[in-house]
């Protein structure tokens, strides 16, 4: 799990095997699961100066997602399992 000092994104966790990206948003920790995300896109998020701008430009509209609601910052127990 990667935590950020961002006004929009608290943290992200990537599951390479399932190509799933979990993103916790500020301020209340609402978690979204994005499916089919490549490792390259995740690396771009990690490297981005603005995490929120990157998510909006390269992830939000490009991948199917599920809003999982407010969740604690913890990676999933097993691949494909939501945190």
Protein backbone atom coordinates (compact mmCIF):
# COMPACT_ATOMS: atom_id res chain seq x y z
CA UNK A 1 0.00 0.00 0.00
CA UNK A 2 1.18 3.47 -0.90
CA UNK A 3 0.07 6.40 1.28
CA UNK A 4 0.08 9.92 -0.15
CA UNK A 5 0.25 13.49 1.09
CA UNK A 6 -2.45 14.63 -1.32
CA UNK A 7 -5.54 16.76 -0.86
CA UNK A 8 -7.57 14.28 -2.95
CA UNK A 9 -6.11 10.79 -2.45
CA UNK A 10 -5.22 9.19 0.89
CA UNK A 11 -3.71 5.96 -0.41
CA UNK A 12 -3.65 3.35 -3.16
CA UNK A 13 -3.04 -0.37 -3.29
CA UNK A 14 -2.39 -2.36 -6.47
CA UNK A 15 -2.99 -6.08 -6.98
CA UNK A 16 -0.88 -7.10 -9.94
CA UNK A 17 -2.42 -10.60 -10.26
CA UNK A 18 -5.97 -9.27 -10.55
CA UNK A 19 -5.02 -5.93 -12.15
CA UNK A 20 -7.08 -4.18 -9.48
CA UNK A 21 -6.35 -0.74 -8.13
CA UNK A 22 -7.84 0.34 -4.81
CA UNK A 23 -7.94 4.10 -4.19
CA UNK A 24 -8.92 5.72 -0.87
CA UNK A 25 -10.13 9.29 -1.34
CA UNK A 26 -9.89 12.23 1.06
CA UNK A 27 -11.30 13.29 3.44
CA UNK A 28 -13.31 10.32 4.72
CA UNK A 29 -11.54 7.30 3.23
CA UNK A 30 -14.14 6.32 0.64
CA UNK A 31 -12.64 3.42 -1.27
CA UNK A 32 -13.01 2.71 -4.99
CA UNK A 33 -11.90 -0.49 -6.73
CA UNK A 34 -10.81 -0.06 -10.36
CA UNK A 35 -10.55 -3.19 -12.53
CA UNK A 36 -8.21 -3.93 -15.44
CA UNK A 37 -5.59 -1.36 -14.43
CA UNK A 38 -2.08 -2.01 -15.75
CA UNK A 39 1.04 -1.85 -13.61
CA UNK A 40 2.21 1.00 -15.86
CA UNK A 41 -0.84 3.10 -14.97
CA UNK A 42 -0.29 2.39 -11.26
CA UNK A 43 3.36 3.42 -11.60
CA UNK A 44 2.17 6.63 -13.24
CA UNK A 45 -0.03 7.35 -10.23
CA UNK A 46 2.86 6.78 -7.84
CA UNK A 47 5.10 9.13 -9.87
CA UNK A 48 2.49 11.85 -10.48
CA UNK A 49 2.99 15.25 -8.87
CA UNK A 50 -0.79 15.56 -8.44
CA UNK A 51 -2.45 12.27 -7.52
CA UNK A 52 -5.99 13.61 -7.92
CA UNK A 53 -5.27 15.06 -11.37
CA UNK A 54 -3.70 11.77 -12.46
CA UNK A 55 -6.68 9.71 -11.27
CA UNK A 56 -9.08 12.06 -13.05
CA UNK A 57 -7.09 12.05 -16.30
CA UNK A 58 -5.97 8.41 -16.52
CA UNK A 59 -8.12 6.19 -14.32
CA UNK A 60 -11.55 7.50 -13.34
CA UNK A 61 -13.21 7.43 -16.75
CA UNK A 62 -11.04 4.69 -18.30
CA UNK A 63 -11.66 1.68 -16.06
CA UNK A 64 -14.75 0.00 -14.62
CA UNK A 65 -15.05 0.65 -10.91
CA UNK A 66 -17.04 -0.13 -7.82
CA UNK A 67 -17.52 2.32 -4.96
CA UNK A 68 -16.92 0.26 -1.83
CA UNK A 69 -17.67 3.01 0.68
CA UNK A 70 -15.63 4.22 3.64
CA UNK A 71 -13.04 1.60 4.55
CA UNK A 72 -9.96 1.49 6.77
CA UNK A 73 -6.56 1.88 5.12
CA UNK A 74 -5.59 -1.77 4.84
CA UNK A 75 -4.70 -3.92 1.84
CA UNK A 76 -6.97 -6.83 0.94
CA UNK A 77 -6.31 -10.18 2.61
CA UNK A 78 -6.10 -12.07 -0.70
CA UNK A 79 -6.02 -11.23 -4.41
CA UNK A 80 -9.40 -10.03 -5.66
CA UNK A 81 -10.75 -9.49 -2.14
CA UNK A 82 -11.77 -5.96 -1.28
CA UNK A 83 -10.05 -4.40 1.71
